[in-house]
Amino acid sequence: MSEEHTDNLKKARARLIEQRRAFVKVLAGPYERGKTEQARERFLDMQTAIEAMNRAQPIEVPFRGGVVLIHPRDPRIQQYLGK
């Protein structure tokens, strides 16, 4: 995965977190029919997208004097982590 792609994932994730915070603010306020339900649905959408971004980002793992970028779901991750 290119460094540019990784940087874009991080930027997109940061934007999603900011959007999620706006929905949290609405959810923390008094109940307003329609507005509260919409905020809850959008919060869940944002959370799902953030979790997908987390899964898409590679992890930097020290390996043999260098660094390896590995996807968190790569079955070899235990090998790189020395477990």
PDB file of N, CA and C in Angstrom:
ATOM      1  N   MET A   1       0.854  -1.169   0.000  1.00  0.00           N
ATOM      2  CA  MET A   1       0.000   0.000   0.000  1.00  0.00           C
ATOM      3  C   MET A   1       0.897   1.227   0.000  1.00  0.00           C
ATOM      4  N   SER A   2       0.620   2.166  -0.878  1.00  0.00           N
ATOM      5  CA  SER A   2       1.470   3.337  -0.992  1.00  0.00           C
ATOM      6  C   SER A   2       1.294   4.266   0.199  1.00  0.00           C
ATOM      7  N   GLU A   3       2.330   5.063   0.431  1.00  0.00           N
ATOM      8  CA  GLU A   3       2.285   6.020   1.535  1.00  0.00           C
ATOM      9  C   GLU A   3       1.158   7.034   1.321  1.00  0.00           C
ATOM     10  N   GLU A   4       0.959   7.441   0.067  1.00  0.00           N
ATOM     11  CA  GLU A   4      -0.109   8.400  -0.233  1.00  0.00           C
ATOM     12  C   GLU A   4      -1.479   7.812   0.122  1.00  0.00           C
ATOM     13  N   HIS A   5      -1.691   6.553  -0.211  1.00  0.00           N
ATOM     14  CA  HIS A   5      -2.958   5.900   0.099  1.00  0.00           C
ATOM     15  C   HIS A   5      -3.161   5.817   1.608  1.00  0.00           C
ATOM     16  N   THR A   6      -2.115   5.457   2.329  1.00  0.00           N
ATOM     17  CA  THR A   6      -2.190   5.383   3.787  1.00  0.00           C
ATOM     18  C   THR A   6      -2.504   6.749   4.382  1.00  0.00           C
ATOM     19  N   ASP A   7      -1.861   7.795   3.870  1.00  0.00           N
ATOM     20  CA  ASP A   7      -2.139   9.157   4.347  1.00  0.00           C
ATOM     21  C   ASP A   7      -3.586   9.553   4.063  1.00  0.00           C
ATOM     22  N   ASN A   8      -4.082   9.188   2.895  1.00  0.00           N
ATOM     23  CA  ASN A   8      -5.475   9.497   2.557  1.00  0.00           C
ATOM     24  C   ASN A   8      -6.445   8.771   3.479  1.00  0.00           C
ATOM     25  N   LEU A   9      -6.142   7.527   3.820  1.00  0.00           N
ATOM     26  CA  LEU A   9      -6.984   6.787   4.764  1.00  0.00           C
ATOM     27  C   LEU A   9      -7.018   7.490   6.116  1.00  0.00           C
ATOM     28  N   LYS A  10      -5.862   7.947   6.578  1.00  0.00           N
ATOM     29  CA  LYS A  10      -5.795   8.637   7.870  1.00  0.00           C
ATOM     30  C   LYS A  10      -6.587   9.941   7.850  1.00  0.00           C
ATOM     31  N   LYS A  11      -6.482  10.692   6.764  1.00  0.00           N
ATOM     32  CA  LYS A  11      -7.228  11.956   6.645  1.00  0.00           C
ATOM     33  C   LYS A  11      -8.730  11.701   6.600  1.00  0.00           C
ATOM     34  N   ALA A  12      -9.129  10.708   5.819  1.00  0.00           N
ATOM     35  CA  ALA A  12     -10.552  10.388   5.713  1.00  0.00           C
ATOM     36  C   ALA A  12     -11.098   9.926   7.055  1.00  0.00           C
ATOM     37  N   ARG A  13     -10.312   9.133   7.768  1.00  0.00           N
ATOM     38  CA  ARG A  13     -10.725   8.652   9.092  1.00  0.00           C
ATOM     39  C   ARG A  13     -10.900   9.821  10.053  1.00  0.00           C
ATOM     40  N   ALA A  14      -9.977  10.771  10.016  1.00  0.00           N
ATOM     41  CA  ALA A  14     -10.065  11.941  10.891  1.00  0.00           C
ATOM     42  C   ALA A  14     -11.331  12.744  10.596  1.00  0.00           C
ATOM     43  N   ARG A  15     -11.690  12.873   9.330  1.00  0.00           N
ATOM     44  CA  ARG A  15     -12.923  13.589   8.966  1.00  0.00           C
ATOM     45  C   ARG A  15     -14.160  12.858   9.459  1.00  0.00           C
ATOM     46  N   LEU A  16     -14.152  11.553   9.330  1.00  0.00           N
ATOM     47  CA  LEU A  16     -15.289  10.770   9.814  1.00  0.00           C
ATOM     48  C   LEU A  16     -15.454  10.916  11.327  1.00  0.00           C
ATOM     49  N   ILE A  17     -14.341  10.961  12.035  1.00  0.00           N
ATOM     50  CA  ILE A  17     -14.399  11.126  13.495  1.00  0.00           C
ATOM     51  C   ILE A  17     -15.011  12.477  13.849  1.00  0.00           C
ATOM     52  N   GLU A  18     -14.639  13.520  13.128  1.00  0.00           N
ATOM     53  CA  GLU A  18     -15.226  14.848  13.376  1.00  0.00           C
ATOM     54  C   GLU A  18     -16.731  14.830  13.105  1.00  0.00           C
ATOM     55  N   GLN A  19     -17.141  14.179  12.036  1.00  0.00           N
ATOM     56  CA  GLN A  19     -18.562  14.087  11.725  1.00  0.00           C
ATOM     57  C   GLN A  19     -19.300  13.299  12.801  1.00  0.00           C
ATOM     58  N   ARG A  20     -18.681  12.219  13.261  1.00  0.00           N
ATOM     59  CA  ARG A  20     -19.291  11.402  14.314  1.00  0.00           C
ATOM     60  C   ARG A  20     -19.494  12.226  15.577  1.00  0.00           C
ATOM     61  N   ARG A  21     -18.520  13.088  15.904  1.00  0.00           N
ATOM     62  CA  ARG A  21     -18.630  13.931  17.102  1.00  0.00           C
ATOM     63  C   ARG A  21     -19.837  14.851  17.029  1.00  0.00           C
ATOM     64  N   ALA A  22     -20.138  15.341  15.844  1.00  0.00           N
ATOM     65  CA  ALA A  22     -21.313  16.213  15.689  1.00  0.00           C
ATOM     66  C   ALA A  22     -22.593  15.435  16.003  1.00  0.00           C
ATOM     67  N   PHE A  23     -22.667  14.204  15.582  1.00  0.00           N
ATOM     68  CA  PHE A  23     -23.851  13.393  15.868  1.00  0.00           C
ATOM     69  C   PHE A  23     -23.922  13.019  17.342  1.00  0.00           C
ATOM     70  N   VAL A  24     -22.786  12.808  17.968  1.00  0.00           N
ATOM     71  CA  VAL A  24     -22.754  12.523  19.403  1.00  0.00           C
ATOM     72  C   VAL A  24     -23.306  13.712  20.183  1.00  0.00           C
ATOM     73  N   LYS A  25     -22.964  14.908  19.750  1.00  0.00           N
ATOM     74  CA  LYS A  25     -23.450  16.113  20.417  1.00  0.00           C
ATOM     75  C   LYS A  25     -24.977  16.169  20.373  1.00  0.00           C
ATOM     76  N   VAL A  26     -25.553  15.832  19.232  1.00  0.00           N
ATOM     77  CA  VAL A  26     -27.016  15.809  19.110  1.00  0.00           C
ATOM     78  C   VAL A  26     -27.603  14.736  20.020  1.00  0.00           C
ATOM     79  N   LEU A  27     -26.980  13.556  20.036  1.00  0.00           N
ATOM     80  CA  LEU A  27     -27.478  12.453  20.859  1.00  0.00           C
ATOM     81  C   LEU A  27     -27.377  12.757  22.353  1.00  0.00           C
ATOM     82  N   ALA A  28     -26.402  13.563  22.746  1.00  0.00           N
ATOM     83  CA  ALA A  28     -26.227  13.911  24.155  1.00  0.00           C
ATOM     84  C   ALA A  28     -27.226  14.971  24.613  1.00  0.00           C
ATOM     85  N   GLY A  29     -27.841  15.646  23.664  1.00  0.00           N
ATOM     86  CA  GLY A  29     -28.809  16.696  23.991  1.00  0.00           C
ATOM     87  C   GLY A  29     -30.192  16.129  24.261  1.00  0.00           C
ATOM     88  N   PRO A  30     -31.147  17.015  24.452  1.00  0.00           N
ATOM     89  CA  PRO A  30     -32.524  16.570  24.704  1.00  0.00           C
ATOM     90  C   PRO A  30     -33.111  15.877  23.476  1.00  0.00           C
ATOM     91  N   TYR A  31     -34.018  14.965  23.739  1.00  0.00           N
ATOM     92  CA  TYR A  31     -34.661  14.215  22.660  1.00  0.00           C
ATOM     93  C   TYR A  31     -35.511  15.140  21.791  1.00  0.00           C
ATOM     94  N   GLU A  32     -35.304  15.043  20.482  1.00  0.00           N
ATOM     95  CA  GLU A  32     -36.143  15.744  19.520  1.00  0.00           C
ATOM     96  C   GLU A  32     -36.550  14.727  18.471  1.00  0.00           C
ATOM     97  N   ARG A  33     -37.835  14.487  18.394  1.00  0.00           N
ATOM     98  CA  ARG A  33     -38.345  13.474  17.471  1.00  0.00           C
ATOM     99  C   ARG A  33     -37.839  13.742  16.053  1.00  0.00           C
ATOM    100  N   GLY A  34     -37.361  12.708  15.427  1.00  0.00           N
ATOM    101  CA  GLY A  34     -36.838  12.817  14.069  1.00  0.00           C
ATOM    102  C   GLY A  34     -35.357  13.156  14.057  1.00  0.00           C
ATOM    103  N   LYS A  35     -34.993  14.232  14.723  1.00  0.00           N
ATOM    104  CA  LYS A  35     -33.598  14.672  14.745  1.00  0.00           C
ATOM    105  C   LYS A  35     -32.721  13.672  15.504  1.00  0.00           C
ATOM    106  N   THR A  36     -33.214  13.198  16.641  1.00  0.00           N
ATOM    107  CA  THR A  36     -32.441  12.246  17.450  1.00  0.00           C
ATOM    108  C   THR A  36     -32.281  10.914  16.711  1.00  0.00           C
ATOM    109  N   GLU A  37     -33.349  10.435  16.103  1.00  0.00           N
ATOM    110  CA  GLU A  37     -33.264   9.168  15.366  1.00  0.00           C
ATOM    111  C   GLU A  37     -32.310   9.283  14.178  1.00  0.00           C
ATOM    112  N   GLN A  38     -32.377  10.405  13.487  1.00  0.00           N
ATOM    113  CA  GLN A  38     -31.483  10.613  12.351  1.00  0.00           C
ATOM    114  C   GLN A  38     -30.029  10.672  12.820  1.00  0.00           C
ATOM    115  N   ALA A  39     -29.777  11.342  13.928  1.00  0.00           N
ATOM    116  CA  ALA A  39     -28.412  11.433  14.463  1.00  0.00           C
ATOM    117  C   ALA A  39     -27.900  10.055  14.860  1.00  0.00           C
ATOM    118  N   ARG A  40     -28.783   9.224  15.439  1.00  0.00           N
ATOM    119  CA  ARG A  40     -28.374   7.872  15.833  1.00  0.00           C
ATOM    120  C   ARG A  40     -28.003   7.052  14.600  1.00  0.00           C
ATOM    121  N   GLU A  41     -28.808   7.132  13.553  1.00  0.00           N
ATOM    122  CA  GLU A  41     -28.508   6.388  12.324  1.00  0.00           C
ATOM    123  C   GLU A  41     -27.208   6.866  11.693  1.00  0.00           C
ATOM    124  N   ARG A  42     -27.013   8.160  11.628  1.00  0.00           N
ATOM    125  CA  ARG A  42     -25.786   8.713  11.031  1.00  0.00           C
ATOM    126  C   ARG A  42     -24.574   8.363  11.890  1.00  0.00           C
ATOM    127  N   PHE A  43     -24.738   8.371  13.232  1.00  0.00           N
ATOM    128  CA  PHE A  43     -23.646   7.973  14.115  1.00  0.00           C
ATOM    129  C   PHE A  43     -23.214   6.547  13.789  1.00  0.00           C
ATOM    130  N   LEU A  44     -24.172   5.659  13.647  1.00  0.00           N
ATOM    131  CA  LEU A  44     -23.849   4.263  13.331  1.00  0.00           C
ATOM    132  C   LEU A  44     -23.178   4.146  11.971  1.00  0.00           C
ATOM    133  N   ASP A  45     -23.622   4.923  10.998  1.00  0.00           N
ATOM    134  CA  ASP A  45     -22.971   4.931   9.681  1.00  0.00           C
ATOM    135  C   ASP A  45     -21.512   5.369   9.814  1.00  0.00           C
ATOM    136  N   MET A  46     -21.288   6.443  10.572  1.00  0.00           N
ATOM    137  CA  MET A  46     -19.924   6.959  10.753  1.00  0.00           C
ATOM    138  C   MET A  46     -19.053   5.927  11.464  1.00  0.00           C
ATOM    139  N   GLN A  47     -19.602   5.305  12.512  1.00  0.00           N
ATOM    140  CA  GLN A  47     -18.839   4.322  13.275  1.00  0.00           C
ATOM    141  C   GLN A  47     -18.461   3.134  12.404  1.00  0.00           C
ATOM    142  N   THR A  48     -19.379   2.686  11.584  1.00  0.00           N
ATOM    143  CA  THR A  48     -19.102   1.570  10.672  1.00  0.00           C
ATOM    144  C   THR A  48     -17.988   1.940   9.693  1.00  0.00           C
ATOM    145  N   ALA A  49     -18.057   3.157   9.167  1.00  0.00           N
ATOM    146  CA  ALA A  49     -17.026   3.614   8.220  1.00  0.00           C
ATOM    147  C   ALA A  49     -15.668   3.740   8.911  1.00  0.00           C
ATOM    148  N   ILE A  50     -15.647   4.248  10.126  1.00  0.00           N
ATOM    149  CA  ILE A  50     -14.384   4.380  10.878  1.00  0.00           C
ATOM    150  C   ILE A  50     -13.772   3.013  11.120  1.00  0.00           C
ATOM    151  N   GLU A  51     -14.593   2.056  11.519  1.00  0.00           N
ATOM    152  CA  GLU A  51     -14.086   0.701  11.752  1.00  0.00           C
ATOM    153  C   GLU A  51     -13.544   0.088  10.464  1.00  0.00           C
ATOM    154  N   ALA A  52     -14.188   0.365   9.341  1.00  0.00           N
ATOM    155  CA  ALA A  52     -13.684  -0.127   8.057  1.00  0.00           C
ATOM    156  C   ALA A  52     -12.341   0.514   7.729  1.00  0.00           C
ATOM    157  N   MET A  53     -12.205   1.798   8.014  1.00  0.00           N
ATOM    158  CA  MET A  53     -10.916   2.486   7.801  1.00  0.00           C
ATOM    159  C   MET A  53      -9.830   1.864   8.665  1.00  0.00           C
ATOM    160  N   ASN A  54     -10.174   1.565   9.908  1.00  0.00           N
ATOM    161  CA  ASN A  54      -9.199   0.943  10.807  1.00  0.00           C
ATOM    162  C   ASN A  54      -8.710  -0.392  10.250  1.00  0.00           C
ATOM    163  N   ARG A  55      -9.625  -1.164   9.687  1.00  0.00           N
ATOM    164  CA  ARG A  55      -9.240  -2.462   9.117  1.00  0.00           C
ATOM    165  C   ARG A  55      -8.411  -2.299   7.850  1.00  0.00           C
ATOM    166  N   ALA A  56      -8.601  -1.203   7.141  1.00  0.00           N
ATOM    167  CA  ALA A  56      -7.902  -0.988   5.876  1.00  0.00           C
ATOM    168  C   ALA A  56      -6.481  -0.474   6.059  1.00  0.00           C
ATOM    169  N   GLN A  57      -6.188   0.122   7.210  1.00  0.00           N
ATOM    170  CA  GLN A  57      -4.863   0.711   7.416  1.00  0.00           C
ATOM    171  C   GLN A  57      -3.845  -0.364   7.791  1.00  0.00           C
ATOM    172  N   PRO A  58      -2.702  -0.327   7.142  1.00  0.00           N
ATOM    173  CA  PRO A  58      -1.659  -1.289   7.495  1.00  0.00           C
ATOM    174  C   PRO A  58      -1.020  -0.921   8.836  1.00  0.00           C
ATOM    175  N   ILE A  59      -0.391  -1.900   9.443  1.00  0.00           N
ATOM    176  CA  ILE A  59       0.313  -1.702  10.706  1.00  0.00           C
ATOM    177  C   ILE A  59       1.809  -1.745  10.418  1.00  0.00           C
ATOM    178  N   GLU A  60       2.574  -0.811  10.999  1.00  0.00           N
ATOM    179  CA  GLU A  60       4.027  -0.845  10.873  1.00  0.00           C
ATOM    180  C   GLU A  60       4.571  -1.761  11.958  1.00  0.00           C
ATOM    181  N   VAL A  61       5.321  -2.772  11.537  1.00  0.00           N
ATOM    182  CA  VAL A  61       5.865  -3.754  12.469  1.00  0.00           C
ATOM    183  C   VAL A  61       7.371  -3.857  12.252  1.00  0.00           C
ATOM    184  N   PRO A  62       8.165  -3.680  13.327  1.00  0.00           N
ATOM    185  CA  PRO A  62       9.609  -3.874  13.175  1.00  0.00           C
ATOM    186  C   PRO A  62       9.898  -5.334  12.813  1.00  0.00           C
ATOM    187  N   PHE A  63      10.780  -5.539  11.832  1.00  0.00           N
ATOM    188  CA  PHE A  63      11.094  -6.900  11.405  1.00  0.00           C
ATOM    189  C   PHE A  63      12.487  -6.932  10.796  1.00  0.00           C
ATOM    190  N   ARG A  64      13.354  -7.748  11.386  1.00  0.00           N
ATOM    191  CA  ARG A  64      14.713  -7.960  10.885  1.00  0.00           C
ATOM    192  C   ARG A  64      15.451  -6.649  10.624  1.00  0.00           C
ATOM    193  N   GLY A  65      15.415  -5.755  11.581  1.00  0.00           N
ATOM    194  CA  GLY A  65      16.152  -4.501  11.477  1.00  0.00           C
ATOM    195  C   GLY A  65      15.479  -3.437  10.631  1.00  0.00           C
ATOM    196  N   GLY A  66      14.303  -3.730  10.117  1.00  0.00           N
ATOM    197  CA  GLY A  66      13.566  -2.759   9.308  1.00  0.00           C
ATOM    198  C   GLY A  66      12.129  -2.669   9.767  1.00  0.00           C
ATOM    199  N   VAL A  67      11.307  -2.168   8.911  1.00  0.00           N
ATOM    200  CA  VAL A  67       9.885  -2.043   9.216  1.00  0.00           C
ATOM    201  C   VAL A  67       9.090  -2.656   8.077  1.00  0.00           C
ATOM    202  N   VAL A  68       8.083  -3.417   8.428  1.00  0.00           N
ATOM    203  CA  VAL A  68       7.195  -4.046   7.457  1.00  0.00           C
ATOM    204  C   VAL A  68       5.807  -3.451   7.647  1.00  0.00           C
ATOM    205  N   LEU A  69       5.154  -3.080   6.547  1.00  0.00           N
ATOM    206  CA  LEU A  69       3.751  -2.675   6.603  1.00  0.00           C
ATOM    207  C   LEU A  69       2.922  -3.921   6.343  1.00  0.00           C
ATOM    208  N   ILE A  70       2.045  -4.236   7.264  1.00  0.00           N
ATOM    209  CA  ILE A  70       1.244  -5.445   7.126  1.00  0.00           C
ATOM    210  C   ILE A  70      -0.204  -5.131   7.463  1.00  0.00           C
ATOM    211  N   HIS A  71      -1.096  -5.745   6.738  1.00  0.00           N
ATOM    212  CA  HIS A  71      -2.519  -5.563   6.986  1.00  0.00           C
ATOM    213  C   HIS A  71      -2.890  -6.321   8.259  1.00  0.00           C
ATOM    214  N   PRO A  72      -3.731  -5.728   9.115  1.00  0.00           N
ATOM    215  CA  PRO A  72      -4.087  -6.375  10.380  1.00  0.00           C
ATOM    216  C   PRO A  72      -4.692  -7.765  10.232  1.00  0.00           C
ATOM    217  N   ARG A  73      -5.300  -8.065   9.097  1.00  0.00           N
ATOM    218  CA  ARG A  73      -5.918  -9.384   8.910  1.00  0.00           C
ATOM    219  C   ARG A  73      -5.007 -10.379   8.181  1.00  0.00           C
ATOM    220  N   ASP A  74      -3.792  -9.950   7.900  1.00  0.00           N
ATOM    221  CA  ASP A  74      -2.842 -10.849   7.236  1.00  0.00           C
ATOM    222  C   ASP A  74      -2.519 -11.996   8.197  1.00  0.00           C
ATOM    223  N   PRO A  75      -2.648 -13.233   7.752  1.00  0.00           N
ATOM    224  CA  PRO A  75      -2.395 -14.367   8.652  1.00  0.00           C
ATOM    225  C   PRO A  75      -0.944 -14.431   9.131  1.00  0.00           C
ATOM    226  N   ARG A  76      -0.030 -13.741   8.460  1.00  0.00           N
ATOM    227  CA  ARG A  76       1.379 -13.749   8.866  1.00  0.00           C
ATOM    228  C   ARG A  76       1.682 -12.742   9.970  1.00  0.00           C
ATOM    229  N   ILE A  77       0.687 -11.997  10.424  1.00  0.00           N
ATOM    230  CA  ILE A  77       0.948 -10.951  11.400  1.00  0.00           C
ATOM    231  C   ILE A  77       1.587 -11.501  12.669  1.00  0.00           C
ATOM    232  N   GLN A  78       1.174 -12.672  13.085  1.00  0.00           N
ATOM    233  CA  GLN A  78       1.752 -13.264  14.294  1.00  0.00           C
ATOM    234  C   GLN A  78       3.251 -13.527  14.101  1.00  0.00           C
ATOM    235  N   GLN A  79       3.631 -13.925  12.907  1.00  0.00           N
ATOM    236  CA  GLN A  79       5.044 -14.157  12.590  1.00  0.00           C
ATOM    237  C   GLN A  79       5.835 -12.851  12.749  1.00  0.00           C
ATOM    238  N   TYR A  80       5.299 -11.758  12.214  1.00  0.00           N
ATOM    239  CA  TYR A  80       5.995 -10.473  12.293  1.00  0.00           C
ATOM    240  C   TYR A  80       6.031  -9.944  13.716  1.00  0.00           C
ATOM    241  N   LEU A  81       4.998 -10.232  14.480  1.00  0.00           N
ATOM    242  CA  LEU A  81       4.951  -9.746  15.866  1.00  0.00           C
ATOM    243  C   LEU A  81       5.733 -10.646  16.802  1.00  0.00           C
ATOM    244  N   GLY A  82       6.217 -11.768  16.279  1.00  0.00           N
ATOM    245  CA  GLY A  82       7.020 -12.687  17.085  1.00  0.00           C
ATOM    246  C   GLY A  82       6.196 -13.506  18.059  1.00  0.00           C
ATOM    247  N   LYS A  83       4.951 -13.789  17.702  1.00  0.00           N
ATOM    248  CA  LYS A  83       4.086 -14.584  18.580  1.00  0.00           C
ATOM    249  C   LYS A  83       3.819 -15.936  17.988  1.00  0.00           C
TER     250      LYS A  83
END
